[in-house]
């Protein structure tokens, strides 16, 4: 690519990270707390361990309920903690 050409919007959006997790809290307005579990090998011993992380995700219609499996995608910061958004609800 030359310096005059820009990256198409569709290609740039595909570079954003996505995660699949379970909603553990939906008490806040337009926000769902999503917990993801990643299996990674231990740095020294190599045993597979679970790495649990929570993400605050923007849920515009307040559709996600506790226990739902959802897909979230990285986005710009919406508030201090929210930089993810709910893309779709996979299972109720």
N, C-alpha and C. Protein backbone atom coordinates (compact mmCIF):
# COMPACT_ATOMS: atom_id res chain seq x y z
N UNK A 1 0.83 -1.18 0.00
CA UNK A 1 0.00 0.00 0.00
C UNK A 1 0.88 1.25 0.00
N UNK A 2 0.44 2.19 -0.72
CA UNK A 2 1.16 3.46 -0.70
C UNK A 2 0.63 4.33 0.43
N UNK A 3 1.29 5.44 0.67
CA UNK A 3 0.88 6.29 1.78
C UNK A 3 -0.43 7.03 1.51
N UNK A 4 -0.86 7.10 0.26
CA UNK A 4 -2.11 7.78 -0.08
C UNK A 4 -3.33 6.90 0.13
N UNK A 5 -3.14 5.58 0.11
CA UNK A 5 -4.25 4.66 0.28
C UNK A 5 -4.51 4.44 1.76
N UNK A 6 -5.78 4.28 2.11
CA UNK A 6 -6.13 4.01 3.51
C UNK A 6 -6.70 2.60 3.61
N UNK A 7 -6.70 2.08 4.81
CA UNK A 7 -7.23 0.75 5.06
C UNK A 7 -8.75 0.83 5.07
N UNK A 8 -9.44 -0.07 4.33
CA UNK A 8 -10.91 -0.05 4.33
C UNK A 8 -11.46 -0.27 5.73
N UNK A 9 -12.64 0.27 5.99
CA UNK A 9 -13.26 0.19 7.31
C UNK A 9 -13.52 -1.26 7.71
N UNK A 10 -13.97 -2.11 6.78
CA UNK A 10 -14.28 -3.49 7.09
C UNK A 10 -13.04 -4.23 7.57
N UNK A 11 -11.89 -3.98 6.94
CA UNK A 11 -10.66 -4.64 7.33
C UNK A 11 -10.22 -4.17 8.70
N UNK A 12 -10.34 -2.90 8.99
CA UNK A 12 -9.93 -2.36 10.28
C UNK A 12 -10.80 -2.93 11.40
N UNK A 13 -12.10 -3.08 11.16
CA UNK A 13 -12.99 -3.62 12.18
C UNK A 13 -12.69 -5.08 12.47
N UNK A 14 -12.21 -5.83 11.48
CA UNK A 14 -11.90 -7.23 11.70
C UNK A 14 -10.72 -7.44 12.62
N UNK A 15 -9.91 -6.41 12.83
CA UNK A 15 -8.74 -6.54 13.69
C UNK A 15 -9.10 -6.41 15.17
N UNK A 16 -10.33 -6.05 15.49
CA UNK A 16 -10.72 -5.89 16.89
C UNK A 16 -10.87 -7.23 17.57
N UNK A 17 -10.49 -7.27 18.84
CA UNK A 17 -10.55 -8.52 19.61
C UNK A 17 -11.99 -8.86 19.95
N UNK A 18 -12.29 -10.14 19.98
CA UNK A 18 -13.59 -10.61 20.42
C UNK A 18 -13.38 -11.69 21.48
N UNK A 19 -14.32 -11.79 22.38
CA UNK A 19 -14.28 -12.78 23.45
C UNK A 19 -15.68 -13.37 23.61
N UNK A 20 -15.75 -14.59 24.12
CA UNK A 20 -17.02 -15.22 24.46
C UNK A 20 -16.99 -15.50 25.95
N UNK A 21 -18.06 -15.09 26.64
CA UNK A 21 -18.09 -15.28 28.09
C UNK A 21 -19.51 -15.34 28.62
N UNK A 22 -19.60 -15.43 29.94
CA UNK A 22 -20.88 -15.55 30.63
C UNK A 22 -21.13 -14.26 31.41
N UNK A 23 -22.38 -13.77 31.32
CA UNK A 23 -22.75 -12.56 32.05
C UNK A 23 -22.88 -12.91 33.53
N UNK A 24 -22.14 -12.20 34.39
CA UNK A 24 -22.20 -12.44 35.83
C UNK A 24 -22.95 -11.34 36.55
N UNK A 25 -23.16 -10.17 35.91
CA UNK A 25 -23.92 -9.09 36.50
C UNK A 25 -24.50 -8.21 35.40
N UNK A 26 -25.76 -7.81 35.59
CA UNK A 26 -26.38 -6.89 34.64
C UNK A 26 -27.20 -5.84 35.39
N UNK A 27 -26.75 -5.51 36.60
CA UNK A 27 -27.49 -4.56 37.45
C UNK A 27 -27.35 -3.13 36.97
N UNK A 28 -26.19 -2.77 36.44
CA UNK A 28 -25.98 -1.39 35.99
C UNK A 28 -26.74 -1.14 34.69
N UNK A 29 -27.15 0.10 34.47
CA UNK A 29 -27.90 0.45 33.28
C UNK A 29 -27.00 0.41 32.05
N UNK A 30 -27.41 -0.33 31.03
CA UNK A 30 -26.69 -0.47 29.76
C UNK A 30 -25.30 -1.05 29.92
N UNK A 31 -25.07 -1.83 30.97
CA UNK A 31 -23.77 -2.45 31.20
C UNK A 31 -23.95 -3.89 31.64
N UNK A 32 -23.13 -4.77 31.09
CA UNK A 32 -23.10 -6.17 31.51
C UNK A 32 -21.66 -6.51 31.87
N UNK A 33 -21.49 -7.20 32.99
CA UNK A 33 -20.16 -7.66 33.37
C UNK A 33 -20.03 -9.09 32.87
N UNK A 34 -19.06 -9.32 31.99
CA UNK A 34 -18.89 -10.60 31.33
C UNK A 34 -17.61 -11.25 31.84
N UNK A 35 -17.71 -12.50 32.25
CA UNK A 35 -16.56 -13.24 32.75
C UNK A 35 -16.11 -14.24 31.70
N UNK A 36 -14.83 -14.19 31.35
CA UNK A 36 -14.28 -15.13 30.37
C UNK A 36 -13.29 -16.06 31.05
N UNK A 37 -13.20 -17.27 30.53
CA UNK A 37 -12.25 -18.25 31.04
C UNK A 37 -11.34 -18.66 29.89
N UNK A 38 -10.03 -18.45 30.08
CA UNK A 38 -9.04 -18.82 29.08
C UNK A 38 -8.13 -19.88 29.66
N UNK A 39 -7.87 -20.92 28.90
CA UNK A 39 -6.97 -21.98 29.36
C UNK A 39 -5.59 -21.72 28.77
N UNK A 40 -4.61 -21.53 29.64
CA UNK A 40 -3.25 -21.23 29.21
C UNK A 40 -2.27 -22.12 29.97
N UNK A 41 -1.14 -22.45 29.37
CA UNK A 41 -0.14 -23.23 30.11
C UNK A 41 0.60 -22.35 31.12
N UNK A 42 0.92 -22.93 32.25
CA UNK A 42 1.69 -22.23 33.27
C UNK A 42 3.08 -21.92 32.71
N UNK A 43 3.61 -20.74 33.05
CA UNK A 43 4.87 -20.28 32.47
C UNK A 43 6.04 -21.20 32.80
N UNK A 44 6.09 -21.70 34.03
CA UNK A 44 7.24 -22.51 34.43
C UNK A 44 6.98 -24.00 34.33
N UNK A 45 5.79 -24.45 34.73
CA UNK A 45 5.53 -25.88 34.84
C UNK A 45 4.79 -26.48 33.65
N UNK A 46 4.13 -25.65 32.85
CA UNK A 46 3.47 -26.14 31.65
C UNK A 46 2.10 -26.72 31.87
N UNK A 47 1.64 -26.83 33.12
CA UNK A 47 0.31 -27.36 33.39
C UNK A 47 -0.74 -26.36 32.90
N UNK A 48 -1.82 -26.87 32.30
CA UNK A 48 -2.88 -26.01 31.81
C UNK A 48 -3.68 -25.47 33.00
N UNK A 49 -3.79 -24.15 33.08
CA UNK A 49 -4.55 -23.52 34.15
C UNK A 49 -5.62 -22.61 33.55
N UNK A 50 -6.66 -22.33 34.34
CA UNK A 50 -7.73 -21.45 33.89
C UNK A 50 -7.41 -20.03 34.31
N UNK A 51 -7.56 -19.11 33.37
CA UNK A 51 -7.34 -17.69 33.63
C UNK A 51 -8.70 -17.01 33.50
N UNK A 52 -9.22 -16.47 34.61
CA UNK A 52 -10.54 -15.86 34.64
C UNK A 52 -10.39 -14.35 34.65
N UNK A 53 -11.15 -13.67 33.78
CA UNK A 53 -11.09 -12.22 33.69
C UNK A 53 -12.49 -11.67 33.48
N UNK A 54 -12.76 -10.50 34.06
CA UNK A 54 -14.07 -9.87 33.92
C UNK A 54 -13.94 -8.62 33.05
N UNK A 55 -14.91 -8.42 32.16
CA UNK A 55 -14.95 -7.27 31.28
C UNK A 55 -16.28 -6.55 31.47
N UNK A 56 -16.25 -5.22 31.50
CA UNK A 56 -17.47 -4.42 31.51
C UNK A 56 -17.81 -4.12 30.06
N UNK A 57 -19.00 -4.55 29.62
CA UNK A 57 -19.39 -4.41 28.22
C UNK A 57 -20.65 -3.57 28.11
N UNK A 58 -20.72 -2.77 27.05
CA UNK A 58 -21.88 -1.91 26.79
C UNK A 58 -22.99 -2.75 26.17
N UNK A 59 -24.18 -2.69 26.79
CA UNK A 59 -25.35 -3.43 26.31
C UNK A 59 -26.48 -2.41 26.12
N UNK A 60 -26.62 -1.89 24.92
CA UNK A 60 -27.52 -0.76 24.64
C UNK A 60 -28.97 -1.04 25.02
N UNK A 61 -29.48 -2.23 24.72
CA UNK A 61 -30.89 -2.52 24.97
C UNK A 61 -31.13 -3.24 26.30
N UNK A 62 -30.13 -3.44 27.12
CA UNK A 62 -30.25 -4.16 28.39
C UNK A 62 -30.85 -5.55 28.18
N UNK A 63 -30.43 -6.25 27.14
CA UNK A 63 -30.99 -7.58 26.83
C UNK A 63 -30.27 -8.70 27.55
N UNK A 64 -28.99 -8.54 27.86
CA UNK A 64 -28.22 -9.61 28.48
C UNK A 64 -28.62 -9.78 29.94
N UNK A 65 -28.90 -11.01 30.32
CA UNK A 65 -29.27 -11.33 31.70
C UNK A 65 -28.18 -12.22 32.30
N UNK A 66 -28.18 -12.33 33.63
CA UNK A 66 -27.20 -13.15 34.32
C UNK A 66 -27.32 -14.60 33.85
N UNK A 67 -26.19 -15.20 33.49
CA UNK A 67 -26.17 -16.58 33.02
C UNK A 67 -26.13 -16.72 31.51
N UNK A 68 -26.38 -15.65 30.77
CA UNK A 68 -26.35 -15.70 29.31
C UNK A 68 -24.91 -15.82 28.81
N UNK A 69 -24.73 -16.55 27.73
CA UNK A 69 -23.44 -16.61 27.05
C UNK A 69 -23.48 -15.58 25.93
N UNK A 70 -22.50 -14.67 25.93
CA UNK A 70 -22.50 -13.56 24.97
C UNK A 70 -21.14 -13.45 24.28
N UNK A 71 -21.16 -12.80 23.12
CA UNK A 71 -19.93 -12.46 22.41
C UNK A 71 -19.73 -10.96 22.56
N UNK A 72 -18.52 -10.56 22.98
CA UNK A 72 -18.22 -9.14 23.15
C UNK A 72 -17.07 -8.77 22.22
N UNK A 73 -17.03 -7.51 21.81
CA UNK A 73 -15.99 -7.02 20.91
C UNK A 73 -15.38 -5.75 21.49
N UNK A 74 -14.11 -5.56 21.21
CA UNK A 74 -13.39 -4.39 21.68
C UNK A 74 -13.88 -3.14 20.94
N UNK A 75 -13.96 -2.03 21.67
CA UNK A 75 -14.41 -0.78 21.07
C UNK A 75 -13.73 0.37 21.79
N UNK A 76 -14.10 1.58 21.44
CA UNK A 76 -13.51 2.74 22.12
C UNK A 76 -14.02 2.79 23.56
N UNK A 77 -13.36 3.57 24.40
CA UNK A 77 -13.81 3.70 25.78
C UNK A 77 -15.15 4.42 25.83
N UNK A 78 -16.11 3.83 26.51
CA UNK A 78 -17.42 4.43 26.70
C UNK A 78 -17.49 5.07 28.08
N UNK A 79 -16.78 4.49 29.03
CA UNK A 79 -16.64 5.08 30.36
C UNK A 79 -15.27 4.65 30.89
N UNK A 80 -15.05 4.84 32.17
CA UNK A 80 -13.74 4.53 32.75
C UNK A 80 -13.39 3.04 32.58
N UNK A 81 -14.36 2.16 32.79
CA UNK A 81 -14.10 0.73 32.73
C UNK A 81 -14.61 0.06 31.46
N UNK A 82 -15.56 0.69 30.77
CA UNK A 82 -16.19 0.04 29.61
C UNK A 82 -15.46 0.35 28.31
N UNK A 83 -14.81 -0.67 27.74
CA UNK A 83 -14.22 -0.54 26.41
C UNK A 83 -14.55 -1.77 25.57
N UNK A 84 -15.64 -2.45 25.92
CA UNK A 84 -16.16 -3.60 25.17
C UNK A 84 -17.64 -3.38 24.95
N UNK A 85 -18.21 -4.04 23.93
CA UNK A 85 -19.65 -3.97 23.69
C UNK A 85 -20.17 -5.37 23.39
N UNK A 86 -21.42 -5.60 23.74
CA UNK A 86 -22.06 -6.89 23.49
C UNK A 86 -22.45 -6.94 22.02
N UNK A 87 -21.91 -7.91 21.30
CA UNK A 87 -22.21 -8.07 19.87
C UNK A 87 -23.45 -8.91 19.68
N UNK A 88 -23.50 -10.06 20.36
CA UNK A 88 -24.67 -10.94 20.24
C UNK A 88 -24.80 -11.82 21.47
N UNK A 89 -26.03 -12.24 21.70
CA UNK A 89 -26.30 -13.19 22.79
C UNK A 89 -26.36 -14.57 22.17
N UNK A 90 -25.45 -15.44 22.58
CA UNK A 90 -25.35 -16.76 21.98
C UNK A 90 -26.34 -17.75 22.60
N UNK A 91 -26.54 -17.66 23.91
CA UNK A 91 -27.44 -18.61 24.57
C UNK A 91 -28.06 -17.95 25.81
N UNK A 92 -29.38 -18.10 25.96
CA UNK A 92 -30.07 -17.54 27.13
C UNK A 92 -30.02 -18.52 28.27
